[in-house]
Amino acid sequence: MPSTKFAIGVLLLAIAAAATTASVCWTLWSAWAASNPKTLESVSGAFAGAFFAFMFVRLGDALNRIFARAERNQTALIRLQHYVNDCLNTNNDNIFVAEDAIRTFAETEFAAGKLPIFMNVPLKYLIDREIPLGLTNVDFVNDVYSLNVDLNKLNDSLATIDRANSELRTALLAGTIPHEAYLVNARRTRERYREVNGFLHATHDQLVEALATARLLAADAPFFVSLIRRLTISRHKRDFPNRLGQEIDKVDAEAKEIGEKSKEKIARAQSAA
């Protein structure tokens, strides 16, 4: 079906091009047949002016679209770096949660006759599905898409493990589950966290690679994009550190003043009560 539509499109384009060419040839032939050099000159001049004006307009529109696409790609690469950094922080926290669960439900704890309770909760990855739409590198688009798929799977796995552990913890605290059954399920929770911990470490490497790739691609910006970035970039002035210190002292003094006024209001309210 797509090939048929493409063939029909090419056919219509060919018909339009043929009609345009025939019309131009007929106009020029009519002017030549009139045996009037001025008529031929005026017709050919008007046609050439209209043709080149059309070509320059279309060329300008095409260049504008290319520049806009390159700019969107650079913006997407910058957004992607922030996104991957956030995911890295979440992933590191989840690695800590998984390893904490493994330590909490260690076999040595069970052998000592303890009934350990795990209270920590894994974090959810906030997946940004719009970023790949702005990228122009096809290979990297596929990598980012695969990364989002893996993060979504991790969200599901971690949520399932946490839900099971939450129900197990509630049952133990409510006294509705025998200790033997609790130990069996606690060992299962430990093994689930041990399995997902391997995926978390693999995701860490995947995120680091994505961040490094985004940095390299952002550094290879097109000339005009780099020029605009250089013209619009801003930096601190030389006296900024001194001014910053003074402003910090000022803000700190204002915060202390507000705190003292708040204490006075609370004291007045307490004495009135």
Foldseek 3Di string as FASTA:
>chain_A
DVVVVVVVVVVVVVVVVVVVVVVLVVCLVVQVVVVDVVSNVVSVVVVVVVVVVVVVVVVVVVVVVVVVLLLLQLVLLVVLLVLLVVVLVLLVQLLVLLVVLLVQLPPVCVVVVHLGARDDARDARDDDPCSLVSHDPPVLSVLSVVLSVLSVVLNVLRVVLVVLSVVLRVCVVVVNDDSVVSSVVSVVSNVSSVVVSVVSVVSSVSSVVSNVVSVVVSVPRDPVSVVVCVVPDDDDDPCVVVVVVVVVVVVVVVVVVVVVVVVVVVVVVVVVD
